[in-house]
């Protein structure tokens, strides 16, 4: 899956001329922590909530409150923004974008096209929503099981076939690559079935080790 399928498209943005109080109010009112700075639709910088905190008056400043606020009020996005911004393209794989966020320890990835035009933004919240979607944890009409499997070829396929043969419809499957401390791999499956109790018992009768099971609410 590509970034353009999960990114936020309605991007709140600002111009280089906007002053700090305006930036702060915009971020507060729109409940965001990252504000791309654009010129003619093209990304030229980024202001974050940390940047705004960095220029806020210090309690130990020797300036009077009014004087400090006056100076900050004259500061524009062009002076405050980070001009070297790590970005990604719309056709970046989601996992590659997530790895980049983790590797660079950043909170967002502005998404730009080949011409440098801002077309979206990818945040931790977008990735969390994607994780919730692919794991199916928001589905209320599915049963969830976690099953121990030998870490050998064909084991996951046989499990899914057994669920299908027992009348289940596979909704989502997640199986981390690495075995746990027992040397076995764990598969987490969500499925729909008329009688999840009976289906789970069928799996046990076939020799599967069900670590957890959650039935539809």
N, C-alpha and C. Protein backbone atom coordinates (compact mmCIF):
# COMPACT_ATOMS: atom_id res chain seq x y z
N UNK A 1 0.85 -1.19 0.00
CA UNK A 1 0.00 0.00 0.00
C UNK A 1 0.88 1.24 0.00
N UNK A 2 0.42 2.27 -0.72
CA UNK A 2 1.20 3.49 -0.84
C UNK A 2 0.71 4.58 0.11
N UNK A 3 1.61 5.52 0.37
CA UNK A 3 1.33 6.61 1.30
C UNK A 3 0.10 7.41 0.89
N UNK A 4 -0.09 7.59 -0.43
CA UNK A 4 -1.20 8.45 -0.86
C UNK A 4 -2.57 7.88 -0.51
N UNK A 5 -2.63 6.61 -0.09
CA UNK A 5 -3.90 6.01 0.30
C UNK A 5 -4.24 6.25 1.77
N UNK A 6 -3.25 6.63 2.58
CA UNK A 6 -3.52 6.81 4.01
C UNK A 6 -3.15 8.21 4.51
N UNK A 7 -2.48 9.01 3.71
CA UNK A 7 -2.04 10.33 4.16
C UNK A 7 -3.24 11.27 4.36
N UNK A 8 -3.01 12.32 5.11
CA UNK A 8 -4.00 13.38 5.26
C UNK A 8 -3.88 14.31 4.06
N UNK A 9 -4.97 14.46 3.32
CA UNK A 9 -4.93 15.27 2.11
C UNK A 9 -5.30 16.73 2.36
N UNK A 10 -6.19 16.96 3.31
CA UNK A 10 -6.60 18.33 3.63
C UNK A 10 -5.57 18.91 4.59
N UNK A 11 -4.46 19.37 4.04
CA UNK A 11 -3.33 19.79 4.87
C UNK A 11 -3.48 21.24 5.30
N UNK A 12 -3.42 21.46 6.60
CA UNK A 12 -3.38 22.82 7.12
C UNK A 12 -1.99 23.37 6.85
N UNK A 13 -1.89 24.53 6.22
CA UNK A 13 -0.60 25.07 5.84
C UNK A 13 -0.56 26.56 6.10
N UNK A 14 0.65 27.12 6.04
CA UNK A 14 0.84 28.54 6.31
C UNK A 14 1.85 29.11 5.33
N UNK A 15 1.90 30.45 5.28
CA UNK A 15 2.84 31.14 4.41
C UNK A 15 4.06 31.59 5.21
N UNK A 16 5.10 31.96 4.51
CA UNK A 16 6.33 32.41 5.16
C UNK A 16 6.14 33.72 5.92
N UNK A 17 5.13 34.51 5.53
CA UNK A 17 4.92 35.82 6.15
C UNK A 17 4.14 35.74 7.46
N UNK A 18 3.51 34.62 7.74
CA UNK A 18 2.71 34.51 8.97
C UNK A 18 3.60 34.63 10.20
N UNK A 19 3.09 35.34 11.19
CA UNK A 19 3.86 35.57 12.41
C UNK A 19 3.55 34.50 13.46
N UNK A 20 4.44 34.42 14.43
CA UNK A 20 4.36 33.37 15.45
C UNK A 20 2.99 33.30 16.13
N UNK A 21 2.40 34.41 16.57
CA UNK A 21 1.08 34.30 17.22
C UNK A 21 0.03 33.69 16.29
N UNK A 22 0.10 34.02 14.99
CA UNK A 22 -0.84 33.44 14.02
C UNK A 22 -0.59 31.94 13.86
N UNK A 23 0.68 31.56 13.78
CA UNK A 23 1.02 30.15 13.65
C UNK A 23 0.53 29.36 14.87
N UNK A 24 0.77 29.92 16.05
CA UNK A 24 0.37 29.25 17.29
C UNK A 24 -1.14 29.09 17.36
N UNK A 25 -1.87 30.14 16.98
CA UNK A 25 -3.33 30.09 17.02
C UNK A 25 -3.86 29.08 16.01
N UNK A 26 -3.25 29.02 14.83
CA UNK A 26 -3.69 28.08 13.80
C UNK A 26 -3.48 26.63 14.25
N UNK A 27 -2.32 26.37 14.84
CA UNK A 27 -2.03 25.02 15.29
C UNK A 27 -2.92 24.62 16.47
N UNK A 28 -3.19 25.59 17.34
CA UNK A 28 -4.06 25.31 18.49
C UNK A 28 -5.50 25.05 18.03
N UNK A 29 -6.00 25.90 17.15
CA UNK A 29 -7.39 25.78 16.71
C UNK A 29 -7.64 24.53 15.87
N UNK A 30 -6.64 24.10 15.10
CA UNK A 30 -6.81 22.94 14.25
C UNK A 30 -6.27 21.66 14.89
N UNK A 31 -5.77 21.77 16.11
CA UNK A 31 -5.28 20.61 16.89
C UNK A 31 -4.21 19.83 16.12
N UNK A 32 -3.20 20.55 15.64
CA UNK A 32 -2.10 19.92 14.92
C UNK A 32 -0.77 20.29 15.56
N UNK A 33 0.26 19.49 15.27
CA UNK A 33 1.59 19.74 15.82
C UNK A 33 2.62 20.04 14.74
N UNK A 34 2.21 19.91 13.48
CA UNK A 34 3.13 20.14 12.37
C UNK A 34 2.45 21.03 11.34
N UNK A 35 3.13 22.09 10.92
CA UNK A 35 2.52 23.06 10.02
C UNK A 35 3.46 23.30 8.83
N UNK A 36 3.15 22.73 7.67
CA UNK A 36 3.97 22.97 6.48
C UNK A 36 3.87 24.44 6.04
N UNK A 37 4.99 24.96 5.62
CA UNK A 37 5.04 26.32 5.11
C UNK A 37 5.19 26.23 3.58
N UNK A 38 4.29 26.88 2.88
CA UNK A 38 4.27 26.74 1.42
C UNK A 38 4.33 28.11 0.74
N UNK A 39 4.82 28.06 -0.51
CA UNK A 39 4.84 29.23 -1.36
C UNK A 39 4.40 28.79 -2.75
N UNK A 40 3.29 29.34 -3.23
CA UNK A 40 2.72 28.94 -4.52
C UNK A 40 2.47 27.43 -4.58
N UNK A 41 2.03 26.87 -3.45
CA UNK A 41 1.70 25.45 -3.39
C UNK A 41 2.88 24.53 -3.18
N UNK A 42 4.09 25.08 -3.17
CA UNK A 42 5.28 24.26 -3.02
C UNK A 42 5.81 24.33 -1.58
N UNK A 43 6.25 23.22 -1.07
CA UNK A 43 6.77 23.16 0.29
C UNK A 43 8.11 23.88 0.39
N UNK A 44 8.21 24.81 1.35
CA UNK A 44 9.46 25.53 1.55
C UNK A 44 9.99 25.37 2.97
N UNK A 45 9.18 24.81 3.87
CA UNK A 45 9.64 24.65 5.24
C UNK A 45 8.59 23.98 6.11
N UNK A 46 8.91 23.84 7.38
CA UNK A 46 8.01 23.19 8.34
C UNK A 46 8.19 23.83 9.71
N UNK A 47 7.08 24.13 10.36
CA UNK A 47 7.09 24.62 11.74
C UNK A 47 6.37 23.59 12.60
N UNK A 48 6.96 23.24 13.74
CA UNK A 48 6.36 22.27 14.64
C UNK A 48 6.02 22.94 15.97
N UNK A 49 5.27 22.22 16.77
CA UNK A 49 4.93 22.74 18.10
C UNK A 49 6.18 22.93 18.94
N UNK A 50 7.20 22.10 18.72
CA UNK A 50 8.46 22.25 19.46
C UNK A 50 9.17 23.55 19.07
N UNK A 51 9.05 23.91 17.79
CA UNK A 51 9.66 25.17 17.35
C UNK A 51 9.01 26.36 18.07
N UNK A 52 7.69 26.31 18.22
CA UNK A 52 6.99 27.39 18.91
C UNK A 52 7.35 27.43 20.39
N UNK A 53 7.50 26.25 20.99
CA UNK A 53 7.90 26.21 22.40
C UNK A 53 9.30 26.79 22.58
N UNK A 54 10.14 26.55 21.58
CA UNK A 54 11.53 27.00 21.66
C UNK A 54 11.64 28.52 21.69
N UNK A 55 10.72 29.21 21.03
CA UNK A 55 10.79 30.68 20.99
C UNK A 55 9.89 31.35 22.03
N UNK A 56 9.18 30.55 22.81
CA UNK A 56 8.33 31.12 23.86
C UNK A 56 9.21 31.78 24.92
N UNK A 57 8.72 32.84 25.56
CA UNK A 57 9.52 33.53 26.58
C UNK A 57 9.92 32.60 27.71
N UNK A 58 11.17 32.64 28.10
CA UNK A 58 11.66 31.83 29.21
C UNK A 58 11.30 32.50 30.53
N UNK A 59 11.00 31.71 31.57
CA UNK A 59 10.70 32.30 32.88
C UNK A 59 11.87 33.09 33.45
N UNK A 60 13.10 32.80 32.97
CA UNK A 60 14.29 33.48 33.52
C UNK A 60 14.78 34.60 32.61
N UNK A 61 14.00 34.94 31.57
CA UNK A 61 14.43 36.00 30.68
C UNK A 61 14.53 37.33 31.42
N UNK A 62 15.47 38.16 30.99
CA UNK A 62 15.62 39.48 31.61
C UNK A 62 14.72 40.51 30.95
N UNK A 63 14.04 40.10 29.87
CA UNK A 63 13.13 41.00 29.19
C UNK A 63 11.79 41.07 29.93
N UNK A 64 11.16 42.22 29.85
CA UNK A 64 9.81 42.33 30.39
C UNK A 64 8.89 41.49 29.52
N UNK A 65 7.77 41.04 30.12
CA UNK A 65 6.83 40.19 29.39
C UNK A 65 6.36 40.86 28.12
N UNK A 66 6.01 42.12 28.22
CA UNK A 66 5.51 42.85 27.07
C UNK A 66 6.56 42.96 25.98
N UNK A 67 7.81 43.19 26.38
CA UNK A 67 8.89 43.32 25.40
C UNK A 67 9.16 41.99 24.71
N UNK A 68 9.13 40.90 25.49
CA UNK A 68 9.36 39.57 24.93
C UNK A 68 8.26 39.22 23.94
N UNK A 69 7.03 39.47 24.32
CA UNK A 69 5.90 39.16 23.43
C UNK A 69 5.95 40.02 22.17
N UNK A 70 6.42 41.25 22.30
CA UNK A 70 6.53 42.12 21.14
C UNK A 70 7.54 41.57 20.14
N UNK A 71 8.68 41.13 20.64
CA UNK A 71 9.72 40.59 19.77
C UNK A 71 9.27 39.29 19.10
N UNK A 72 8.61 38.44 19.88
CA UNK A 72 8.12 37.18 19.33
C UNK A 72 7.04 37.44 18.29
N UNK A 73 6.22 38.45 18.55
CA UNK A 73 5.14 38.78 17.64
C UNK A 73 5.63 39.23 16.28
N UNK A 74 6.87 39.70 16.19
CA UNK A 74 7.44 40.15 14.92
C UNK A 74 8.11 39.01 14.17
N UNK A 75 8.30 37.88 14.84
CA UNK A 75 8.99 36.74 14.22
C UNK A 75 8.07 36.03 13.23
N UNK A 76 8.56 35.82 12.02
CA UNK A 76 7.74 35.19 10.98
C UNK A 76 8.11 33.72 10.81
N UNK A 77 7.25 33.00 10.08
CA UNK A 77 7.50 31.59 9.80
C UNK A 77 8.80 31.41 9.04
N UNK A 78 9.13 32.35 8.15
CA UNK A 78 10.36 32.26 7.36
C UNK A 78 11.60 32.22 8.25
N UNK A 79 11.55 32.92 9.39
CA UNK A 79 12.68 32.94 10.31
C UNK A 79 12.68 31.72 11.24
N UNK A 80 11.51 31.19 11.50
CA UNK A 80 11.38 30.11 12.48
C UNK A 80 11.44 28.72 11.85
N UNK A 81 10.97 28.59 10.62
CA UNK A 81 10.77 27.27 10.02
C UNK A 81 12.08 26.51 9.78
N UNK A 82 11.91 25.20 9.68
CA UNK A 82 13.00 24.32 9.27
C UNK A 82 12.94 24.22 7.74
N UNK A 83 13.98 24.68 7.08
CA UNK A 83 13.95 24.69 5.62
C UNK A 83 14.39 23.37 5.01
N UNK A 84 15.14 22.58 5.76
CA UNK A 84 15.55 21.25 5.29
C UNK A 84 14.58 20.21 5.87
N UNK A 85 13.57 19.89 5.07
CA UNK A 85 12.48 19.03 5.54
C UNK A 85 12.58 17.66 4.88
N UNK A 86 12.49 16.62 5.69
CA UNK A 86 12.46 15.25 5.17
C UNK A 86 11.05 14.99 4.65
N UNK A 87 10.95 14.58 3.40
CA UNK A 87 9.65 14.37 2.77
C UNK A 87 9.60 12.97 2.15
N UNK A 88 8.44 12.64 1.60
CA UNK A 88 8.31 11.41 0.83
C UNK A 88 7.38 11.67 -0.34
N UNK A 89 7.36 10.75 -1.30
CA UNK A 89 6.52 10.86 -2.48
C UNK A 89 5.20 10.13 -2.24
N UNK A 90 4.17 10.44 -3.00
CA UNK A 90 2.88 9.76 -2.83
C UNK A 90 2.96 8.26 -3.04
N UNK A 91 3.91 7.81 -3.89
CA UNK A 91 4.01 6.37 -4.17
C UNK A 91 5.04 5.67 -3.30
N UNK A 92 5.38 6.27 -2.16
CA UNK A 92 6.24 5.61 -1.18
C UNK A 92 5.43 4.54 -0.45
N UNK A 93 6.01 3.36 -0.29
CA UNK A 93 5.32 2.31 0.46
C UNK A 93 5.12 2.75 1.91
N UNK A 94 3.99 2.39 2.49
CA UNK A 94 3.68 2.80 3.86
C UNK A 94 4.75 2.34 4.84
N UNK A 95 5.21 1.10 4.68
CA UNK A 95 6.21 0.59 5.62
C UNK A 95 7.54 1.33 5.48
N UNK A 96 7.87 1.77 4.25
CA UNK A 96 9.10 2.52 4.05
C UNK A 96 8.98 3.90 4.71
N UNK A 97 7.82 4.51 4.61
CA UNK A 97 7.59 5.81 5.24
C UNK A 97 7.66 5.68 6.76
N UNK A 98 7.07 4.61 7.30
CA UNK A 98 7.11 4.39 8.74
C UNK A 98 8.54 4.19 9.22
N UNK A 99 9.33 3.44 8.44
CA UNK A 99 10.74 3.22 8.79
C UNK A 99 11.50 4.54 8.78
N UNK A 100 11.20 5.41 7.81
CA UNK A 100 11.86 6.71 7.74
C UNK A 100 11.52 7.58 8.94
N UNK A 101 10.26 7.58 9.34
CA UNK A 101 9.85 8.33 10.53
C UNK A 101 10.59 7.84 11.77
N UNK A 102 10.68 6.52 11.89
CA UNK A 102 11.35 5.92 13.04
C UNK A 102 12.85 6.18 13.01
N UNK A 103 13.44 6.00 11.83
CA UNK A 103 14.89 6.15 11.68
C UNK A 103 15.34 7.59 11.94
N UNK A 104 14.59 8.54 11.41
CA UNK A 104 14.96 9.95 11.54
C UNK A 104 14.41 10.59 12.82
N UNK A 105 13.56 9.84 13.54
CA UNK A 105 12.97 10.33 14.79
C UNK A 105 12.22 11.65 14.56
N UNK A 106 11.34 11.63 13.58
CA UNK A 106 10.55 12.81 13.26
C UNK A 106 9.06 12.49 13.40
N UNK A 107 8.24 13.53 13.49
CA UNK A 107 6.83 13.32 13.77
C UNK A 107 5.92 13.31 12.57
N UNK A 108 6.45 13.72 11.40
CA UNK A 108 5.61 13.75 10.22
C UNK A 108 6.46 13.70 8.96
N UNK A 109 5.80 13.37 7.87
CA UNK A 109 6.44 13.40 6.55
C UNK A 109 5.52 14.17 5.60
N UNK A 110 5.88 15.40 5.25
CA UNK A 110 5.12 16.06 4.20
C UNK A 110 5.25 15.25 2.91
N UNK A 111 4.17 15.13 2.18
CA UNK A 111 4.16 14.34 0.94
C UNK A 111 4.15 15.32 -0.22
N UNK A 112 5.16 15.23 -1.08
CA UNK A 112 5.28 16.16 -2.21
C UNK A 112 5.37 15.38 -3.51
N UNK A 113 4.87 15.98 -4.58
CA UNK A 113 4.95 15.34 -5.89
C UNK A 113 6.32 15.64 -6.51
N UNK A 114 6.51 15.20 -7.74
CA UNK A 114 7.82 15.35 -8.39
C UNK A 114 8.22 16.81 -8.59
N UNK A 115 7.24 17.68 -8.64
CA UNK A 115 7.53 19.10 -8.82
C UNK A 115 7.71 19.85 -7.52
N UNK A 116 7.63 19.13 -6.37
CA UNK A 116 7.80 19.77 -5.08
C UNK A 116 6.53 20.35 -4.49
N UNK A 117 5.40 20.09 -5.14
CA UNK A 117 4.13 20.61 -4.64
C UNK A 117 3.63 19.75 -3.49
N UNK A 118 3.16 20.39 -2.44
CA UNK A 118 2.63 19.67 -1.28
C UNK A 118 1.28 19.07 -1.62
N UNK A 119 1.16 17.76 -1.46
CA UNK A 119 -0.10 17.07 -1.78
C UNK A 119 -0.70 16.35 -0.58
N UNK A 120 0.04 16.31 0.53
CA UNK A 120 -0.48 15.64 1.72
C UNK A 120 0.54 15.66 2.84
N UNK A 121 0.19 15.03 3.94
CA UNK A 121 1.11 14.89 5.07
C UNK A 121 0.82 13.57 5.77
N UNK A 122 1.89 12.89 6.15
CA UNK A 122 1.77 11.62 6.87
C UNK A 122 2.25 11.82 8.29
N UNK A 123 1.38 11.53 9.26
CA UNK A 123 1.72 11.69 10.67
C UNK A 123 1.65 10.35 11.39
N UNK A 124 2.09 10.35 12.63
CA UNK A 124 1.98 9.14 13.45
C UNK A 124 0.53 8.70 13.57
N UNK A 125 -0.37 9.67 13.63
CA UNK A 125 -1.80 9.35 13.75
C UNK A 125 -2.29 8.60 12.51
N UNK A 126 -1.82 9.02 11.34
CA UNK A 126 -2.20 8.33 10.10
C UNK A 126 -1.72 6.89 10.12
N UNK A 127 -0.49 6.68 10.60
CA UNK A 127 0.06 5.33 10.66
C UNK A 127 -0.68 4.49 11.70
N UNK A 128 -1.07 5.11 12.81
CA UNK A 128 -1.82 4.38 13.83
C UNK A 128 -3.19 3.96 13.29
N UNK A 129 -3.84 4.86 12.56
CA UNK A 129 -5.13 4.51 11.94
C UNK A 129 -4.96 3.36 10.95
N UNK A 130 -3.86 3.37 10.21
CA UNK A 130 -3.58 2.30 9.26
C UNK A 130 -3.38 0.97 10.00
N UNK A 131 -2.65 1.00 11.12
CA UNK A 131 -2.43 -0.19 11.91
C UNK A 131 -3.75 -0.74 12.45
N UNK A 132 -4.59 0.15 12.95
CA UNK A 132 -5.90 -0.28 13.46
C UNK A 132 -6.73 -0.91 12.36
N UNK A 133 -6.59 -0.38 11.15
CA UNK A 133 -7.36 -0.90 10.02
C UNK A 133 -6.88 -2.29 9.61
N UNK A 134 -5.56 -2.45 9.43
CA UNK A 134 -5.07 -3.73 8.92
C UNK A 134 -5.16 -4.84 9.97
N UNK A 135 -5.18 -4.49 11.25
CA UNK A 135 -5.34 -5.52 12.28
C UNK A 135 -6.81 -5.83 12.54
N UNK A 136 -7.70 -4.97 12.06
CA UNK A 136 -9.13 -5.22 12.23
C UNK A 136 -9.62 -5.08 13.64
N UNK A 137 -8.87 -4.39 14.49
CA UNK A 137 -9.24 -4.35 15.91
C UNK A 137 -10.51 -3.54 16.17
N UNK A 138 -10.97 -2.77 15.20
CA UNK A 138 -12.19 -2.01 15.38
C UNK A 138 -13.43 -2.79 14.91
N UNK A 139 -13.20 -3.98 14.35
CA UNK A 139 -14.31 -4.81 13.91
C UNK A 139 -15.00 -5.44 15.11
N UNK A 140 -16.29 -5.26 15.23
CA UNK A 140 -17.02 -5.82 16.37
C UNK A 140 -17.74 -7.12 16.03
N UNK A 141 -17.73 -7.49 14.75
CA UNK A 141 -18.47 -8.69 14.34
C UNK A 141 -17.55 -9.86 14.01
N UNK A 142 -16.29 -9.79 14.47
CA UNK A 142 -15.34 -10.86 14.17
C UNK A 142 -14.83 -11.51 15.46
N UNK A 143 -14.44 -12.76 15.34
CA UNK A 143 -13.72 -13.44 16.41
C UNK A 143 -12.23 -13.24 16.17
N UNK A 144 -11.46 -13.17 17.23
CA UNK A 144 -10.01 -12.99 17.12
C UNK A 144 -9.32 -14.14 17.85
N UNK A 145 -8.37 -14.76 17.17
CA UNK A 145 -7.58 -15.81 17.82
C UNK A 145 -6.10 -15.56 17.56
N UNK A 146 -5.28 -15.92 18.53
CA UNK A 146 -3.83 -15.93 18.37
C UNK A 146 -3.38 -17.37 18.49
N UNK A 147 -2.67 -17.84 17.49
CA UNK A 147 -2.36 -19.26 17.39
C UNK A 147 -0.86 -19.47 17.27
N UNK A 148 -0.33 -20.45 18.02
CA UNK A 148 1.06 -20.85 17.87
C UNK A 148 1.21 -21.72 16.63
N UNK A 149 2.21 -21.41 15.80
CA UNK A 149 2.47 -22.21 14.61
C UNK A 149 3.96 -22.53 14.51
N UNK A 150 4.31 -23.71 14.02
CA UNK A 150 5.71 -23.99 13.71
C UNK A 150 6.20 -23.01 12.65
N UNK A 151 7.41 -22.54 12.76
CA UNK A 151 7.93 -21.54 11.83
C UNK A 151 8.49 -22.23 10.58
N UNK A 152 7.61 -22.89 9.85
CA UNK A 152 8.00 -23.60 8.64
C UNK A 152 7.02 -23.27 7.50
N UNK A 153 7.46 -23.53 6.30
CA UNK A 153 6.67 -23.22 5.12
C UNK A 153 5.32 -23.94 5.13
N UNK A 154 4.27 -23.21 4.83
CA UNK A 154 2.94 -23.79 4.66
C UNK A 154 2.07 -23.82 5.89
N UNK A 155 2.64 -23.55 7.06
CA UNK A 155 1.86 -23.66 8.30
C UNK A 155 0.75 -22.61 8.36
N UNK A 156 1.04 -21.37 7.97
CA UNK A 156 0.02 -20.34 8.02
C UNK A 156 -1.09 -20.64 7.02
N UNK A 157 -0.72 -21.10 5.84
CA UNK A 157 -1.71 -21.45 4.83
C UNK A 157 -2.64 -22.56 5.30
N UNK A 158 -2.07 -23.54 6.00
CA UNK A 158 -2.90 -24.65 6.49
C UNK A 158 -3.88 -24.18 7.56
N UNK A 159 -3.42 -23.26 8.41
CA UNK A 159 -4.32 -22.72 9.44
C UNK A 159 -5.50 -21.99 8.80
N UNK A 160 -5.20 -21.13 7.83
CA UNK A 160 -6.26 -20.37 7.18
C UNK A 160 -7.22 -21.29 6.43
N UNK A 161 -6.68 -22.33 5.82
CA UNK A 161 -7.53 -23.30 5.12
C UNK A 161 -8.43 -24.03 6.11
N UNK A 162 -7.91 -24.35 7.29
CA UNK A 162 -8.71 -25.03 8.31
C UNK A 162 -9.86 -24.14 8.78
N UNK A 163 -9.60 -22.83 8.92
CA UNK A 163 -10.66 -21.91 9.31
C UNK A 163 -11.72 -21.83 8.23
N UNK A 164 -11.29 -21.74 6.98
CA UNK A 164 -12.25 -21.71 5.87
C UNK A 164 -13.07 -23.00 5.79
N UNK A 165 -12.39 -24.13 5.95
CA UNK A 165 -13.08 -25.42 5.88
C UNK A 165 -14.13 -25.58 6.98
N UNK A 166 -13.88 -24.90 8.11
CA UNK A 166 -14.81 -24.99 9.23
C UNK A 166 -15.93 -23.96 9.14
N UNK A 167 -15.99 -23.23 8.02
CA UNK A 167 -17.07 -22.27 7.83
C UNK A 167 -16.73 -20.85 8.18
N UNK A 168 -15.45 -20.56 8.42
CA UNK A 168 -15.06 -19.20 8.76
C UNK A 168 -14.68 -18.37 7.55
N UNK A 169 -14.88 -17.06 7.66
CA UNK A 169 -14.47 -16.12 6.62
C UNK A 169 -13.33 -15.27 7.19
N UNK A 170 -12.14 -15.35 6.57
CA UNK A 170 -10.98 -14.63 7.08
C UNK A 170 -11.15 -13.13 6.84
N UNK A 171 -11.05 -12.34 7.90
CA UNK A 171 -11.14 -10.88 7.78
C UNK A 171 -9.75 -10.25 7.72
N UNK A 172 -8.89 -10.57 8.69
CA UNK A 172 -7.52 -10.04 8.71
C UNK A 172 -6.58 -11.09 9.26
N UNK A 173 -5.31 -10.98 8.85
CA UNK A 173 -4.26 -11.88 9.34
C UNK A 173 -3.01 -11.06 9.61
N UNK A 174 -2.43 -11.23 10.79
CA UNK A 174 -1.16 -10.60 11.13
C UNK A 174 -0.27 -11.66 11.74
N UNK A 175 0.94 -11.78 11.21
CA UNK A 175 1.87 -12.78 11.74
C UNK A 175 3.28 -12.23 11.73
N UNK A 176 3.78 -11.76 12.88
CA UNK A 176 5.15 -11.25 12.95
C UNK A 176 6.15 -12.28 12.44
N UNK A 177 7.22 -11.80 11.84
CA UNK A 177 8.17 -12.69 11.20
C UNK A 177 8.93 -13.56 12.19
N UNK A 178 9.29 -12.98 13.33
CA UNK A 178 10.18 -13.70 14.24
C UNK A 178 9.40 -14.56 15.24
N UNK A 179 9.86 -15.78 15.49
CA UNK A 179 9.24 -16.64 16.51
C UNK A 179 9.38 -16.03 17.90
N UNK A 180 8.51 -16.47 18.84
CA UNK A 180 8.64 -15.98 20.21
C UNK A 180 9.63 -16.86 20.96
N UNK A 181 9.64 -16.73 22.28
CA UNK A 181 10.64 -17.45 23.09
C UNK A 181 10.50 -18.96 23.02
N UNK A 182 9.35 -19.43 22.57
CA UNK A 182 9.15 -20.88 22.45
C UNK A 182 9.71 -21.43 21.14
N UNK A 183 10.10 -20.53 20.24
CA UNK A 183 10.57 -20.97 18.94
C UNK A 183 9.45 -21.11 17.93
N UNK A 184 8.22 -20.80 18.36
CA UNK A 184 7.06 -20.89 17.48
C UNK A 184 6.63 -19.50 17.02
N UNK A 185 6.02 -19.46 15.87
CA UNK A 185 5.51 -18.21 15.33
C UNK A 185 4.07 -18.01 15.79
N UNK A 186 3.65 -16.76 15.92
CA UNK A 186 2.28 -16.45 16.33
C UNK A 186 1.53 -15.84 15.15
N UNK A 187 0.36 -16.36 14.89
CA UNK A 187 -0.53 -15.79 13.88
C UNK A 187 -1.77 -15.26 14.58
N UNK A 188 -2.12 -14.02 14.29
CA UNK A 188 -3.32 -13.40 14.85
C UNK A 188 -4.34 -13.28 13.72
N UNK A 189 -5.46 -13.96 13.88
CA UNK A 189 -6.46 -14.03 12.81
C UNK A 189 -7.80 -13.53 13.32
N UNK A 190 -8.45 -12.70 12.51
CA UNK A 190 -9.83 -12.31 12.78
C UNK A 190 -10.70 -12.93 11.69
N UNK A 191 -11.79 -13.52 12.11
CA UNK A 191 -12.67 -14.19 11.14
C UNK A 191 -14.12 -14.03 11.55
N UNK A 192 -15.01 -14.24 10.59
CA UNK A 192 -16.44 -14.26 10.85
C UNK A 192 -16.94 -15.69 10.71
N UNK A 193 -17.82 -16.08 11.60
CA UNK A 193 -18.40 -17.43 11.53
C UNK A 193 -19.71 -17.43 12.29
N UNK A 194 -20.59 -18.35 11.90
CA UNK A 194 -21.88 -18.46 12.58
C UNK A 194 -21.71 -18.91 14.02
N UNK A 195 -20.72 -19.77 14.28
CA UNK A 195 -20.49 -20.29 15.64
C UNK A 195 -18.99 -20.30 15.92
N UNK A 196 -18.44 -19.17 16.37
CA UNK A 196 -17.01 -19.08 16.66
C UNK A 196 -16.55 -20.09 17.72
N UNK A 197 -17.41 -20.36 18.73
CA UNK A 197 -17.05 -21.35 19.76
C UNK A 197 -16.73 -22.69 19.10
N UNK A 198 -17.61 -23.14 18.24
CA UNK A 198 -17.43 -24.43 17.59
C UNK A 198 -16.22 -24.42 16.67
N UNK A 199 -16.01 -23.32 15.96
CA UNK A 199 -14.86 -23.26 15.05
C UNK A 199 -13.55 -23.32 15.83
N UNK A 200 -13.47 -22.59 16.94
CA UNK A 200 -12.25 -22.63 17.75
C UNK A 200 -12.00 -24.03 18.30
N UNK A 201 -13.07 -24.71 18.69
CA UNK A 201 -12.90 -26.07 19.19
C UNK A 201 -12.42 -26.99 18.08
N UNK A 202 -12.90 -26.77 16.87
CA UNK A 202 -12.44 -27.56 15.73
C UNK A 202 -10.94 -27.39 15.53
N UNK A 203 -10.46 -26.16 15.68
CA UNK A 203 -9.03 -25.91 15.53
C UNK A 203 -8.24 -26.62 16.62
N UNK A 204 -8.76 -26.62 17.84
CA UNK A 204 -8.08 -27.34 18.93
C UNK A 204 -8.07 -28.84 18.64
N UNK A 205 -9.17 -29.35 18.13
CA UNK A 205 -9.23 -30.78 17.82
C UNK A 205 -8.22 -31.15 16.74
N UNK A 206 -7.90 -30.18 15.89
CA UNK A 206 -6.90 -30.41 14.84
C UNK A 206 -5.48 -30.26 15.36
N UNK A 207 -5.36 -29.90 16.62
CA UNK A 207 -4.04 -29.80 17.24
C UNK A 207 -3.46 -28.40 17.34
N UNK A 208 -4.24 -27.38 17.00
CA UNK A 208 -3.73 -26.02 17.08
C UNK A 208 -3.76 -25.50 18.51
N UNK A 209 -2.70 -24.76 18.87
CA UNK A 209 -2.58 -24.18 20.20
C UNK A 209 -3.07 -22.75 20.15
N UNK A 210 -4.30 -22.51 20.64
CA UNK A 210 -4.88 -21.18 20.67
C UNK A 210 -4.44 -20.47 21.94
N UNK A 211 -3.64 -19.42 21.76
CA UNK A 211 -3.12 -18.69 22.91
C UNK A 211 -4.18 -17.78 23.52
N UNK A 212 -4.93 -17.11 22.66
CA UNK A 212 -6.02 -16.23 23.12
C UNK A 212 -7.18 -16.34 22.14
N UNK A 213 -8.35 -16.04 22.64
CA UNK A 213 -9.52 -15.97 21.76
C UNK A 213 -10.47 -14.92 22.28
N UNK A 214 -10.96 -14.10 21.37
CA UNK A 214 -11.93 -13.07 21.69
C UNK A 214 -13.11 -13.24 20.75
N UNK A 215 -14.28 -13.35 21.30
CA UNK A 215 -15.46 -13.58 20.48
C UNK A 215 -16.14 -12.26 20.12
N UNK A 216 -16.99 -12.26 19.10
CA UNK A 216 -17.66 -11.02 18.69
C UNK A 216 -18.45 -10.42 19.82
N UNK A 217 -18.50 -9.08 19.86
CA UNK A 217 -19.24 -8.40 20.94
C UNK A 217 -20.71 -8.28 20.57
